[in-house]
């Protein structure tokens, strides 16, 4: 149980620590699809029992997926300084999204900057009522994203930065948590005021969504196999053009780039297993035979050689590459 109001500010260079830092969001998938750059994340946040606000800045191109916290009405707002991002086929700026189904997925470029925030459902309902007139048309990233405008986004951005940095919220005679939560409530109202009719949603075609889902399923089921794009197309029952359009739309990269990145991440996870004894053995399991190219691709993605991952921080295990 959270006691009082907690604030955090950190610069991270480790994927796992980022996933911990953005809780209560559950980031189950975070796949880098670019190279030649060490990972860096700036995370600043504030949280109480009935609300949270987290600002995250990332320096790598990523495909992200996961779930928002149960029991919260959760939102995501791209900031005015952020680079492009796509969430389920829609440009994310300047839009906001609510995810009552608790699932999210999208792709972002290096320089991605987002504010994640939410309210306990009981507090949210007390503020806006069961009819939820404020956000009645907003359902999920996949079904609808509510349009705003850059001026409103910048104002909300400034508000959250002030609250996270410790500036006192307006009001008196109430606990700090109530004042901060009400300030965020007001910020949300200002963000979407008179904007519910803005920005018509263009739904993704059934063919593209099916191709993406089946393509991702096939890749996950064949991480240790050498597969081609035509293999993925056959399984997805989609043309190469449809598959590429779907992956570019939802993942921000081509199917081949995503496939290679996902296999490298799985290879890295296998190297970290206690039973891993050598790089070449693990590489063989994944169908990697050109060790020089593998080492180059791996270092470009993760900033270290496979042998360094295998040894771990203590350097206690042996490796042959």
C-alpha atoms as a PDB file:
ATOM      1  CA  UNK A   1       0.000   0.000   0.000  1.00  0.00           C
ATOM      2  CA  UNK A   2       1.394   3.386  -0.969  1.00  0.00           C
ATOM      3  CA  UNK A   3       1.925   5.724   1.976  1.00  0.00           C
ATOM      4  CA  UNK A   4       1.721   9.408   1.122  1.00  0.00           C
ATOM      5  CA  UNK A   5       3.021  10.750  -2.168  1.00  0.00           C
ATOM      6  CA  UNK A   6       6.126   9.235  -3.773  1.00  0.00           C
ATOM      7  CA  UNK A   7       8.340  10.871  -6.382  1.00  0.00           C
ATOM      8  CA  UNK A   8      11.098   9.380  -8.532  1.00  0.00           C
ATOM      9  CA  UNK A   9      13.677  10.697 -10.966  1.00  0.00           C
ATOM     10  CA  UNK A  10      16.270   8.467 -12.602  1.00  0.00           C
ATOM     11  CA  UNK A  11      18.365   7.861 -15.702  1.00  0.00           C
ATOM     12  CA  UNK A  12      18.474   4.179 -16.649  1.00  0.00           C
ATOM     13  CA  UNK A  13      20.654   2.129 -18.986  1.00  0.00           C
ATOM     14  CA  UNK A  14      19.061  -1.259 -18.278  1.00  0.00           C
ATOM     15  CA  UNK A  15      15.888  -2.637 -19.855  1.00  0.00           C
ATOM     16  CA  UNK A  16      14.759  -4.496 -16.745  1.00  0.00           C
ATOM     17  CA  UNK A  17      15.079  -1.439 -14.534  1.00  0.00           C
ATOM     18  CA  UNK A  18      12.974   0.566 -16.986  1.00  0.00           C
ATOM     19  CA  UNK A  19      10.199  -2.012 -16.750  1.00  0.00           C
ATOM     20  CA  UNK A  20      10.336  -1.733 -12.962  1.00  0.00           C
ATOM     21  CA  UNK A  21      10.389   2.075 -13.046  1.00  0.00           C
ATOM     22  CA  UNK A  22       7.217   2.485 -15.118  1.00  0.00           C
ATOM     23  CA  UNK A  23       5.092   0.370 -12.807  1.00  0.00           C
ATOM     24  CA  UNK A  24       2.134   0.214 -12.280  1.00  0.00           C
ATOM     25  CA  UNK A  25       2.199  -0.111 -16.096  1.00  0.00           C
ATOM     26  CA  UNK A  26       3.158  -3.655 -17.094  1.00  0.00           C
ATOM     27  CA  UNK A  27       5.530  -3.419 -20.058  1.00  0.00           C
ATOM     28  CA  UNK A  28       5.726  -7.053 -21.130  1.00  0.00           C
ATOM     29  CA  UNK A  29       7.399  -6.427 -24.489  1.00  0.00           C
ATOM     30  CA  UNK A  30      10.062  -3.813 -25.261  1.00  0.00           C
ATOM     31  CA  UNK A  31      11.947  -4.668 -28.445  1.00  0.00           C
ATOM     32  CA  UNK A  32      14.676  -2.409 -29.844  1.00  0.00           C
ATOM     33  CA  UNK A  33      14.556  -2.281 -33.638  1.00  0.00           C
ATOM     34  CA  UNK A  34      17.561  -0.003 -34.163  1.00  0.00           C
ATOM     35  CA  UNK A  35      21.276  -0.319 -33.498  1.00  0.00           C
ATOM     36  CA  UNK A  36      24.563   1.397 -32.718  1.00  0.00           C
ATOM     37  CA  UNK A  37      23.411   3.157 -29.593  1.00  0.00           C
ATOM     38  CA  UNK A  38      23.469   2.264 -25.893  1.00  0.00           C
ATOM     39  CA  UNK A  39      20.066   2.221 -24.262  1.00  0.00           C
ATOM     40  CA  UNK A  40      19.108   5.236 -22.146  1.00  0.00           C
ATOM     41  CA  UNK A  41      15.822   6.141 -20.456  1.00  0.00           C
ATOM     42  CA  UNK A  42      14.846   9.152 -18.383  1.00  0.00           C
ATOM     43  CA  UNK A  43      12.015   8.411 -15.967  1.00  0.00           C
ATOM     44  CA  UNK A  44      10.343  10.938 -13.679  1.00  0.00           C
ATOM     45  CA  UNK A  45       7.185  10.249 -11.755  1.00  0.00           C
ATOM     46  CA  UNK A  46       4.791  10.902  -8.905  1.00  0.00           C
ATOM     47  CA  UNK A  47       2.268   8.513  -7.366  1.00  0.00           C
ATOM     48  CA  UNK A  48      -0.261   8.201  -4.563  1.00  0.00           C
ATOM     49  CA  UNK A  49      -2.821   5.550  -3.699  1.00  0.00           C
ATOM     50  CA  UNK A  50      -5.415   7.043  -6.083  1.00  0.00           C
ATOM     51  CA  UNK A  51      -3.345   8.481  -8.936  1.00  0.00           C
ATOM     52  CA  UNK A  52      -0.011   8.338 -10.763  1.00  0.00           C
ATOM     53  CA  UNK A  53       1.849  10.317 -13.418  1.00  0.00           C
ATOM     54  CA  UNK A  54       5.066   9.123 -15.088  1.00  0.00           C
ATOM     55  CA  UNK A  55       7.067  10.860 -17.815  1.00  0.00           C
ATOM     56  CA  UNK A  56       9.323   8.594 -19.848  1.00  0.00           C
ATOM     57  CA  UNK A  57      11.886   9.608 -22.483  1.00  0.00           C
ATOM     58  CA  UNK A  58      13.658   6.931 -24.572  1.00  0.00           C
ATOM     59  CA  UNK A  59      16.620   7.182 -26.937  1.00  0.00           C
ATOM     60  CA  UNK A  60      16.002   3.987 -28.941  1.00  0.00           C
ATOM     61  CA  UNK A  61      13.455   2.985 -31.555  1.00  0.00           C
ATOM     62  CA  UNK A  62      11.186   0.489 -29.819  1.00  0.00           C
ATOM     63  CA  UNK A  63       8.164  -1.683 -30.283  1.00  0.00           C
ATOM     64  CA  UNK A  64       6.280  -1.685 -26.989  1.00  0.00           C
ATOM     65  CA  UNK A  65       3.417  -3.782 -25.645  1.00  0.00           C
ATOM     66  CA  UNK A  66       1.893  -4.576 -22.300  1.00  0.00           C
ATOM     67  CA  UNK A  67      -0.989  -3.656 -20.033  1.00  0.00           C
ATOM     68  CA  UNK A  68      -2.121  -0.697 -17.989  1.00  0.00           C
ATOM     69  CA  UNK A  69      -2.812  -1.186 -14.269  1.00  0.00           C
ATOM     70  CA  UNK A  70      -6.003  -2.940 -13.220  1.00  0.00           C
ATOM     71  CA  UNK A  71      -8.385  -0.770 -11.228  1.00  0.00           C
ATOM     72  CA  UNK A  72      -7.230   2.490 -12.848  1.00  0.00           C
ATOM     73  CA  UNK A  73      -8.519   4.677 -15.665  1.00  0.00           C
ATOM     74  CA  UNK A  74      -5.209   5.018 -17.511  1.00  0.00           C
ATOM     75  CA  UNK A  75      -4.101   7.498 -20.149  1.00  0.00           C
ATOM     76  CA  UNK A  76      -1.101   8.200 -22.374  1.00  0.00           C
ATOM     77  CA  UNK A  77      -0.208  11.570 -23.853  1.00  0.00           C
ATOM     78  CA  UNK A  78       2.598  12.160 -26.320  1.00  0.00           C
ATOM     79  CA  UNK A  79       4.463  15.340 -25.424  1.00  0.00           C
ATOM     80  CA  UNK A  80       5.133  18.278 -27.708  1.00  0.00           C
ATOM     81  CA  UNK A  81       8.848  17.403 -27.811  1.00  0.00           C
ATOM     82  CA  UNK A  82       8.394  13.768 -28.776  1.00  0.00           C
ATOM     83  CA  UNK A  83       9.351  12.129 -32.050  1.00  0.00           C
ATOM     84  CA  UNK A  84       6.685  10.227 -34.029  1.00  0.00           C
ATOM     85  CA  UNK A  85       4.968   7.186 -32.592  1.00  0.00           C
ATOM     86  CA  UNK A  86       2.200   4.911 -33.837  1.00  0.00           C
ATOM     87  CA  UNK A  87      -0.285   3.129 -31.608  1.00  0.00           C
ATOM     88  CA  UNK A  88      -2.442   0.510 -33.365  1.00  0.00           C
ATOM     89  CA  UNK A  89      -2.251   2.337 -36.633  1.00  0.00           C
ATOM     90  CA  UNK A  90      -2.772   5.933 -35.480  1.00  0.00           C
ATOM     91  CA  UNK A  91      -0.401   8.846 -35.090  1.00  0.00           C
ATOM     92  CA  UNK A  92      -0.243   9.372 -31.336  1.00  0.00           C
ATOM     93  CA  UNK A  93       0.373  13.136 -31.225  1.00  0.00           C
ATOM     94  CA  UNK A  94      -1.520  15.268 -30.421  1.00  0.00           C
ATOM     95  CA  UNK A  95      -3.956  12.638 -29.154  1.00  0.00           C
ATOM     96  CA  UNK A  96      -4.728  10.976 -25.868  1.00  0.00           C
ATOM     97  CA  UNK A  97      -5.827   7.423 -25.261  1.00  0.00           C
ATOM     98  CA  UNK A  98      -7.729   5.575 -22.559  1.00  0.00           C
ATOM     99  CA  UNK A  99      -7.336   1.799 -22.305  1.00  0.00           C
ATOM    100  CA  UNK A 100     -10.125   0.127 -20.311  1.00  0.00           C
ATOM    101  CA  UNK A 101      -9.141  -3.200 -21.880  1.00  0.00           C
ATOM    102  CA  UNK A 102      -5.740  -2.667 -20.205  1.00  0.00           C
ATOM    103  CA  UNK A 103      -3.746  -3.649 -23.304  1.00  0.00           C
ATOM    104  CA  UNK A 104      -1.515  -1.438 -25.417  1.00  0.00           C
ATOM    105  CA  UNK A 105       0.964  -1.844 -28.250  1.00  0.00           C
ATOM    106  CA  UNK A 106       2.809   0.519 -30.517  1.00  0.00           C
ATOM    107  CA  UNK A 107       6.052   1.647 -32.080  1.00  0.00           C
ATOM    108  CA  UNK A 108       8.118   4.736 -31.322  1.00  0.00           C
ATOM    109  CA  UNK A 109      11.169   6.420 -32.777  1.00  0.00           C
ATOM    110  CA  UNK A 110      14.295   7.449 -30.875  1.00  0.00           C
ATOM    111  CA  UNK A 111      13.432  10.526 -28.821  1.00  0.00           C
ATOM    112  CA  UNK A 112      10.023   9.166 -27.796  1.00  0.00           C
ATOM    113  CA  UNK A 113       8.635  11.131 -24.830  1.00  0.00           C
ATOM    114  CA  UNK A 114       5.312  10.266 -23.211  1.00  0.00           C
ATOM    115  CA  UNK A 115       3.312  11.039 -20.073  1.00  0.00           C
ATOM    116  CA  UNK A 116       1.521   8.035 -18.583  1.00  0.00           C
ATOM    117  CA  UNK A 117      -1.066   8.865 -15.951  1.00  0.00           C
ATOM    118  CA  UNK A 118      -4.159   7.438 -14.331  1.00  0.00           C
ATOM    119  CA  UNK A 119      -6.685   7.552 -11.532  1.00  0.00           C
ATOM    120  CA  UNK A 120      -8.181   4.872  -9.308  1.00  0.00           C
ATOM    121  CA  UNK A 121     -11.534   3.994 -10.870  1.00  0.00           C
ATOM    122  CA  UNK A 122     -13.503   4.934  -7.724  1.00  0.00           C
ATOM    123  CA  UNK A 123     -11.957   8.432  -7.669  1.00  0.00           C
ATOM    124  CA  UNK A 124     -12.426   8.786 -11.420  1.00  0.00           C
ATOM    125  CA  UNK A 125     -16.114   7.902 -11.205  1.00  0.00           C
ATOM    126  CA  UNK A 126     -16.667  10.303  -8.300  1.00  0.00           C
ATOM    127  CA  UNK A 127     -15.189  13.086 -10.419  1.00  0.00           C
ATOM    128  CA  UNK A 128     -16.911  12.404 -13.727  1.00  0.00           C
ATOM    129  CA  UNK A 129     -19.884  10.202 -12.863  1.00  0.00           C
ATOM    130  CA  UNK A 130     -21.068   6.878 -14.229  1.00  0.00           C
ATOM    131  CA  UNK A 131     -22.105   8.409 -17.550  1.00  0.00           C
ATOM    132  CA  UNK A 132     -18.521   9.559 -18.091  1.00  0.00           C
ATOM    133  CA  UNK A 133     -19.591  12.503 -20.230  1.00  0.00           C
ATOM    134  CA  UNK A 134     -16.064  13.859 -20.375  1.00  0.00           C
ATOM    135  CA  UNK A 135     -14.637  10.876 -22.241  1.00  0.00           C
ATOM    136  CA  UNK A 136     -17.761   9.061 -23.348  1.00  0.00           C
ATOM    137  CA  UNK A 137     -16.492   8.516 -26.893  1.00  0.00           C
ATOM    138  CA  UNK A 138     -13.025   7.368 -25.949  1.00  0.00           C
ATOM    139  CA  UNK A 139     -12.640   3.592 -25.674  1.00  0.00           C
ATOM    140  CA  UNK A 140      -9.207   2.155 -26.450  1.00  0.00           C
ATOM    141  CA  UNK A 141      -6.110   2.841 -28.504  1.00  0.00           C
ATOM    142  CA  UNK A 142      -7.447   0.295 -30.975  1.00  0.00           C
ATOM    143  CA  UNK A 143     -10.966   1.707 -31.252  1.00  0.00           C
ATOM    144  CA  UNK A 144     -10.595   5.437 -30.633  1.00  0.00           C
ATOM    145  CA  UNK A 145      -8.065   8.059 -29.683  1.00  0.00           C
ATOM    146  CA  UNK A 146      -9.283  11.452 -28.699  1.00  0.00           C
ATOM    147  CA  UNK A 147      -7.872  14.403 -30.583  1.00  0.00           C
ATOM    148  CA  UNK A 148      -6.494  17.423 -28.777  1.00  0.00           C
ATOM    149  CA  UNK A 149      -4.302  20.248 -30.009  1.00  0.00           C
ATOM    150  CA  UNK A 150      -0.631  21.073 -29.407  1.00  0.00           C
ATOM    151  CA  UNK A 151      -1.396  24.056 -27.182  1.00  0.00           C
ATOM    152  CA  UNK A 152      -3.441  21.920 -24.777  1.00  0.00           C
ATOM    153  CA  UNK A 153      -0.826  19.180 -24.827  1.00  0.00           C
ATOM    154  CA  UNK A 154       1.933  21.651 -23.951  1.00  0.00           C
ATOM    155  CA  UNK A 155      -0.156  23.027 -21.068  1.00  0.00           C
ATOM    156  CA  UNK A 156      -0.738  19.548 -19.662  1.00  0.00           C
ATOM    157  CA  UNK A 157       2.941  18.739 -20.139  1.00  0.00           C
ATOM    158  CA  UNK A 158       3.925  21.806 -18.108  1.00  0.00           C
ATOM    159  CA  UNK A 159       1.414  20.939 -15.386  1.00  0.00           C
ATOM    160  CA  UNK A 160       2.690  17.400 -14.897  1.00  0.00           C
ATOM    161  CA  UNK A 161       6.306  18.579 -14.901  1.00  0.00           C
ATOM    162  CA  UNK A 162       5.505  21.045 -12.113  1.00  0.00           C
ATOM    163  CA  UNK A 163       3.705  18.427 -10.022  1.00  0.00           C
ATOM    164  CA  UNK A 164       6.446  15.818 -10.516  1.00  0.00           C
ATOM    165  CA  UNK A 165       9.147  18.334  -9.589  1.00  0.00           C
ATOM    166  CA  UNK A 166       7.436  19.056  -6.262  1.00  0.00           C
ATOM    167  CA  UNK A 167       5.500  22.248  -6.889  1.00  0.00           C
ATOM    168  CA  UNK A 168       2.480  22.456  -4.584  1.00  0.00           C
ATOM    169  CA  UNK A 169      -0.937  22.071  -6.164  1.00  0.00           C
ATOM    170  CA  UNK A 170      -3.483  24.862  -5.714  1.00  0.00           C
ATOM    171  CA  UNK A 171      -5.922  24.565  -2.816  1.00  0.00           C
ATOM    172  CA  UNK A 172      -5.766  24.292   0.927  1.00  0.00           C
ATOM    173  CA  UNK A 173      -7.138  22.233   3.770  1.00  0.00           C
ATOM    174  CA  UNK A 174      -6.827  18.922   1.895  1.00  0.00           C
ATOM    175  CA  UNK A 175      -4.178  16.193   1.971  1.00  0.00           C
ATOM    176  CA  UNK A 176      -1.410  16.540  -0.618  1.00  0.00           C
ATOM    177  CA  UNK A 177      -2.645  13.479  -2.504  1.00  0.00           C
ATOM    178  CA  UNK A 178      -6.111  14.978  -2.993  1.00  0.00           C
ATOM    179  CA  UNK A 179      -4.669  18.279  -4.182  1.00  0.00           C
ATOM    180  CA  UNK A 180      -2.348  16.594  -6.671  1.00  0.00           C
ATOM    181  CA  UNK A 181      -5.048  14.243  -7.941  1.00  0.00           C
ATOM    182  CA  UNK A 182      -7.494  17.125  -8.411  1.00  0.00           C
ATOM    183  CA  UNK A 183      -4.838  19.121 -10.270  1.00  0.00           C
ATOM    184  CA  UNK A 184      -4.380  16.211 -12.674  1.00  0.00           C
ATOM    185  CA  UNK A 185      -8.159  15.883 -13.018  1.00  0.00           C
ATOM    186  CA  UNK A 186      -8.349  19.550 -14.000  1.00  0.00           C
ATOM    187  CA  UNK A 187      -5.461  19.080 -16.390  1.00  0.00           C
ATOM    188  CA  UNK A 188      -7.282  16.189 -18.063  1.00  0.00           C
ATOM    189  CA  UNK A 189     -10.457  18.245 -18.404  1.00  0.00           C
ATOM    190  CA  UNK A 190      -8.521  21.112 -19.969  1.00  0.00           C
ATOM    191  CA  UNK A 191      -6.739  18.697 -22.312  1.00  0.00           C
ATOM    192  CA  UNK A 192      -9.950  17.330 -23.837  1.00  0.00           C
ATOM    193  CA  UNK A 193     -12.262  20.346 -23.460  1.00  0.00           C
ATOM    194  CA  UNK A 194     -14.342  20.841 -26.614  1.00  0.00           C
ATOM    195  CA  UNK A 195     -12.155  18.354 -28.436  1.00  0.00           C
ATOM    196  CA  UNK A 196     -14.274  15.218 -28.375  1.00  0.00           C
ATOM    197  CA  UNK A 197     -15.337  15.717 -31.948  1.00  0.00           C
ATOM    198  CA  UNK A 198     -11.822  16.305 -33.229  1.00  0.00           C
ATOM    199  CA  UNK A 199      -9.899  13.783 -35.238  1.00  0.00           C
ATOM    200  CA  UNK A 200     -11.911  11.035 -36.898  1.00  0.00           C
ATOM    201  CA  UNK A 201     -10.556   7.563 -36.428  1.00  0.00           C
ATOM    202  CA  UNK A 202      -9.744   5.563 -39.530  1.00  0.00           C
ATOM    203  CA  UNK A 203     -10.091   1.884 -38.532  1.00  0.00           C
ATOM    204  CA  UNK A 204      -7.426  -0.573 -39.540  1.00  0.00           C
ATOM    205  CA  UNK A 205      -8.587  -3.044 -42.154  1.00  0.00           C
ATOM    206  CA  UNK A 206      -9.363  -6.588 -41.047  1.00  0.00           C
ATOM    207  CA  UNK A 207      -6.751  -7.950 -43.442  1.00  0.00           C
ATOM    208  CA  UNK A 208      -3.930  -5.846 -42.009  1.00  0.00           C
ATOM    209  CA  UNK A 209      -4.755  -6.618 -38.398  1.00  0.00           C
ATOM    210  CA  UNK A 210      -5.041 -10.333 -39.122  1.00  0.00           C
ATOM    211  CA  UNK A 211      -1.758 -10.329 -41.037  1.00  0.00           C
ATOM    212  CA  UNK A 212       0.009  -8.552 -38.182  1.00  0.00           C
ATOM    213  CA  UNK A 213      -1.361 -10.818 -35.465  1.00  0.00           C
ATOM    214  CA  UNK A 214      -0.648 -14.042 -37.322  1.00  0.00           C
ATOM    215  CA  UNK A 215       2.757 -12.745 -38.391  1.00  0.00           C
ATOM    216  CA  UNK A 216       3.714 -11.949 -34.794  1.00  0.00           C
ATOM    217  CA  UNK A 217       2.413 -15.350 -33.643  1.00  0.00           C
ATOM    218  CA  UNK A 218       4.514 -17.119 -36.284  1.00  0.00           C
ATOM    219  CA  UNK A 219       7.655 -15.204 -35.332  1.00  0.00           C
ATOM    220  CA  UNK A 220       7.165 -15.976 -31.623  1.00  0.00           C
ATOM    221  CA  UNK A 221       6.721 -19.654 -32.409  1.00  0.00           C
ATOM    222  CA  UNK A 222       9.852 -19.819 -34.569  1.00  0.00           C
ATOM    223  CA  UNK A 223      12.449 -17.777 -32.704  1.00  0.00           C
ATOM    224  CA  UNK A 224      14.935 -20.657 -32.893  1.00  0.00           C
ATOM    225  CA  UNK A 225      14.291 -21.347 -36.563  1.00  0.00           C
ATOM    226  CA  UNK A 226      15.615 -19.653 -39.672  1.00  0.00           C
ATOM    227  CA  UNK A 227      12.475 -18.465 -41.439  1.00  0.00           C
ATOM    228  CA  UNK A 228      11.860 -16.248 -44.450  1.00  0.00           C
ATOM    229  CA  UNK A 229       9.351 -13.495 -45.049  1.00  0.00           C
ATOM    230  CA  UNK A 230       7.572 -15.786 -47.501  1.00  0.00           C
ATOM    231  CA  UNK A 231       7.173 -18.332 -44.673  1.00  0.00           C
ATOM    232  CA  UNK A 232       5.506 -15.654 -42.557  1.00  0.00           C
ATOM    233  CA  UNK A 233       3.274 -14.616 -45.461  1.00  0.00           C
ATOM    234  CA  UNK A 234       2.186 -18.212 -46.007  1.00  0.00           C
ATOM    235  CA  UNK A 235       1.268 -18.676 -42.353  1.00  0.00           C
ATOM    236  CA  UNK A 236      -0.481 -15.286 -42.196  1.00  0.00           C
ATOM    237  CA  UNK A 237      -2.313 -15.933 -45.484  1.00  0.00           C
ATOM    238  CA  UNK A 238      -1.276 -12.468 -46.601  1.00  0.00           C
ATOM    239  CA  UNK A 239       0.708 -10.952 -49.429  1.00  0.00           C
ATOM    240  CA  UNK A 240       4.185  -9.583 -48.755  1.00  0.00           C
ATOM    241  CA  UNK A 241       2.871  -6.078 -49.447  1.00  0.00           C
ATOM    242  CA  UNK A 242       0.045  -6.455 -46.901  1.00  0.00           C
ATOM    243  CA  UNK A 243       2.419  -7.889 -44.302  1.00  0.00           C
ATOM    244  CA  UNK A 244       4.954  -5.098 -44.790  1.00  0.00           C
ATOM    245  CA  UNK A 245       2.245  -2.430 -44.619  1.00  0.00           C
ATOM    246  CA  UNK A 246       0.901  -3.931 -41.379  1.00  0.00           C
ATOM    247  CA  UNK A 247       4.322  -4.148 -39.710  1.00  0.00           C
ATOM    248  CA  UNK A 248       5.322  -0.639 -40.763  1.00  0.00           C
ATOM    249  CA  UNK A 249       1.985   0.686 -39.505  1.00  0.00           C
ATOM    250  CA  UNK A 250       2.015  -1.026 -36.110  1.00  0.00           C
ATOM    251  CA  UNK A 251       5.692  -1.771 -35.409  1.00  0.00           C
ATOM    252  CA  UNK A 252       7.379   1.061 -37.259  1.00  0.00           C
ATOM    253  CA  UNK A 253       9.730  -1.282 -39.177  1.00  0.00           C
ATOM    254  CA  UNK A 254       9.623  -3.932 -41.893  1.00  0.00           C
ATOM    255  CA  UNK A 255       8.782  -7.560 -41.019  1.00  0.00           C
ATOM    256  CA  UNK A 256      12.415  -8.568 -41.679  1.00  0.00           C
ATOM    257  CA  UNK A 257      13.811  -5.903 -39.336  1.00  0.00           C
ATOM    258  CA  UNK A 258      11.366  -6.890 -36.610  1.00  0.00           C
ATOM    259  CA  UNK A 259      12.087 -10.621 -37.090  1.00  0.00           C
ATOM    260  CA  UNK A 260      15.841 -10.085 -36.777  1.00  0.00           C
ATOM    261  CA  UNK A 261      15.447  -7.857 -33.719  1.00  0.00           C
ATOM    262  CA  UNK A 262      13.086 -10.267 -31.960  1.00  0.00           C
ATOM    263  CA  UNK A 263      15.418 -13.235 -32.582  1.00  0.00           C
ATOM    264  CA  UNK A 264      18.372 -11.282 -31.207  1.00  0.00           C
ATOM    265  CA  UNK A 265      16.403 -10.461 -28.059  1.00  0.00           C
ATOM    266  CA  UNK A 266      15.450 -14.127 -27.618  1.00  0.00           C
ATOM    267  CA  UNK A 267      19.090 -15.126 -28.174  1.00  0.00           C
ATOM    268  CA  UNK A 268      20.121 -12.650 -25.474  1.00  0.00           C
ATOM    269  CA  UNK A 269      17.570 -14.108 -23.049  1.00  0.00           C
ATOM    270  CA  UNK A 270      18.940 -17.598 -23.721  1.00  0.00           C
ATOM    271  CA  UNK A 271      22.526 -16.445 -23.065  1.00  0.00           C
ATOM    272  CA  UNK A 272      21.417 -15.240 -19.646  1.00  0.00           C
ATOM    273  CA  UNK A 273      20.012 -18.638 -18.659  1.00  0.00           C
ATOM    274  CA  UNK A 274      22.074 -20.460 -15.990  1.00  0.00           C
ATOM    275  CA  UNK A 275      22.278 -23.545 -18.225  1.00  0.00           C
ATOM    276  CA  UNK A 276      23.981 -21.633 -21.084  1.00  0.00           C
ATOM    277  CA  UNK A 277      27.561 -22.904 -21.379  1.00  0.00           C
ATOM    278  CA  UNK A 278      28.922 -21.303 -24.570  1.00  0.00           C
ATOM    279  CA  UNK A 279      27.951 -18.741 -27.170  1.00  0.00           C
ATOM    280  CA  UNK A 280      28.362 -21.200 -30.036  1.00  0.00           C
ATOM    281  CA  UNK A 281      26.017 -23.756 -28.450  1.00  0.00           C
ATOM    282  CA  UNK A 282      23.280 -21.192 -27.880  1.00  0.00           C
ATOM    283  CA  UNK A 283      23.850 -19.717 -31.335  1.00  0.00           C
ATOM    284  CA  UNK A 284      23.456 -23.187 -32.857  1.00  0.00           C
ATOM    285  CA  UNK A 285      20.105 -23.595 -31.127  1.00  0.00           C
ATOM    286  CA  UNK A 286      18.932 -20.428 -32.877  1.00  0.00           C
ATOM    287  CA  UNK A 287      20.368 -21.347 -36.272  1.00  0.00           C
ATOM    288  CA  UNK A 288      23.123 -18.721 -36.162  1.00  0.00           C
ATOM    289  CA  UNK A 289      26.205 -20.071 -37.969  1.00  0.00           C
ATOM    290  CA  UNK A 290      28.066 -16.928 -39.041  1.00  0.00           C
ATOM    291  CA  UNK A 291      29.554 -16.028 -35.665  1.00  0.00           C
ATOM    292  CA  UNK A 292      31.304 -12.864 -36.868  1.00  0.00           C
ATOM    293  CA  UNK A 293      28.111 -11.359 -38.296  1.00  0.00           C
ATOM    294  CA  UNK A 294      26.158 -12.437 -35.210  1.00  0.00           C
ATOM    295  CA  UNK A 295      28.682 -10.752 -32.907  1.00  0.00           C
ATOM    296  CA  UNK A 296      28.538  -7.550 -34.977  1.00  0.00           C
ATOM    297  CA  UNK A 297      24.739  -7.422 -35.085  1.00  0.00           C
ATOM    298  CA  UNK A 298      24.529  -8.240 -31.384  1.00  0.00           C
ATOM    299  CA  UNK A 299      26.996  -5.547 -30.362  1.00  0.00           C
ATOM    300  CA  UNK A 300      25.248  -2.979 -32.562  1.00  0.00           C
ATOM    301  CA  UNK A 301      21.958  -3.760 -30.819  1.00  0.00           C
ATOM    302  CA  UNK A 302      22.995  -4.257 -27.185  1.00  0.00           C
ATOM    303  CA  UNK A 303      26.348  -2.504 -26.889  1.00  0.00           C
ATOM    304  CA  UNK A 304      28.256  -5.642 -25.851  1.00  0.00           C
ATOM    305  CA  UNK A 305      29.411  -8.949 -27.298  1.00  0.00           C
ATOM    306  CA  UNK A 306      27.455 -12.182 -26.765  1.00  0.00           C
ATOM    307  CA  UNK A 307      30.353 -13.496 -24.667  1.00  0.00           C
ATOM    308  CA  UNK A 308      30.016 -10.533 -22.306  1.00  0.00           C
ATOM    309  CA  UNK A 309      26.323 -11.280 -21.820  1.00  0.00           C
ATOM    310  CA  UNK A 310      27.102 -14.941 -21.208  1.00  0.00           C
ATOM    311  CA  UNK A 311      29.696 -14.157 -18.551  1.00  0.00           C
ATOM    312  CA  UNK A 312      27.409 -11.698 -16.833  1.00  0.00           C
ATOM    313  CA  UNK A 313      28.525  -8.911 -14.511  1.00  0.00           C
ATOM    314  CA  UNK A 314      30.624 -11.272 -12.379  1.00  0.00           C
ATOM    315  CA  UNK A 315      32.424 -12.746 -15.394  1.00  0.00           C
ATOM    316  CA  UNK A 316      32.282 -16.224 -13.862  1.00  0.00           C
ATOM    317  CA  UNK A 317      31.321 -18.337 -16.856  1.00  0.00           C
ATOM    318  CA  UNK A 318      33.469 -19.384 -19.788  1.00  0.00           C
ATOM    319  CA  UNK A 319      32.719 -18.645 -23.450  1.00  0.00           C
ATOM    320  CA  UNK A 320      34.268 -19.408 -26.806  1.00  0.00           C
ATOM    321  CA  UNK A 321      33.215 -16.258 -28.697  1.00  0.00           C
END
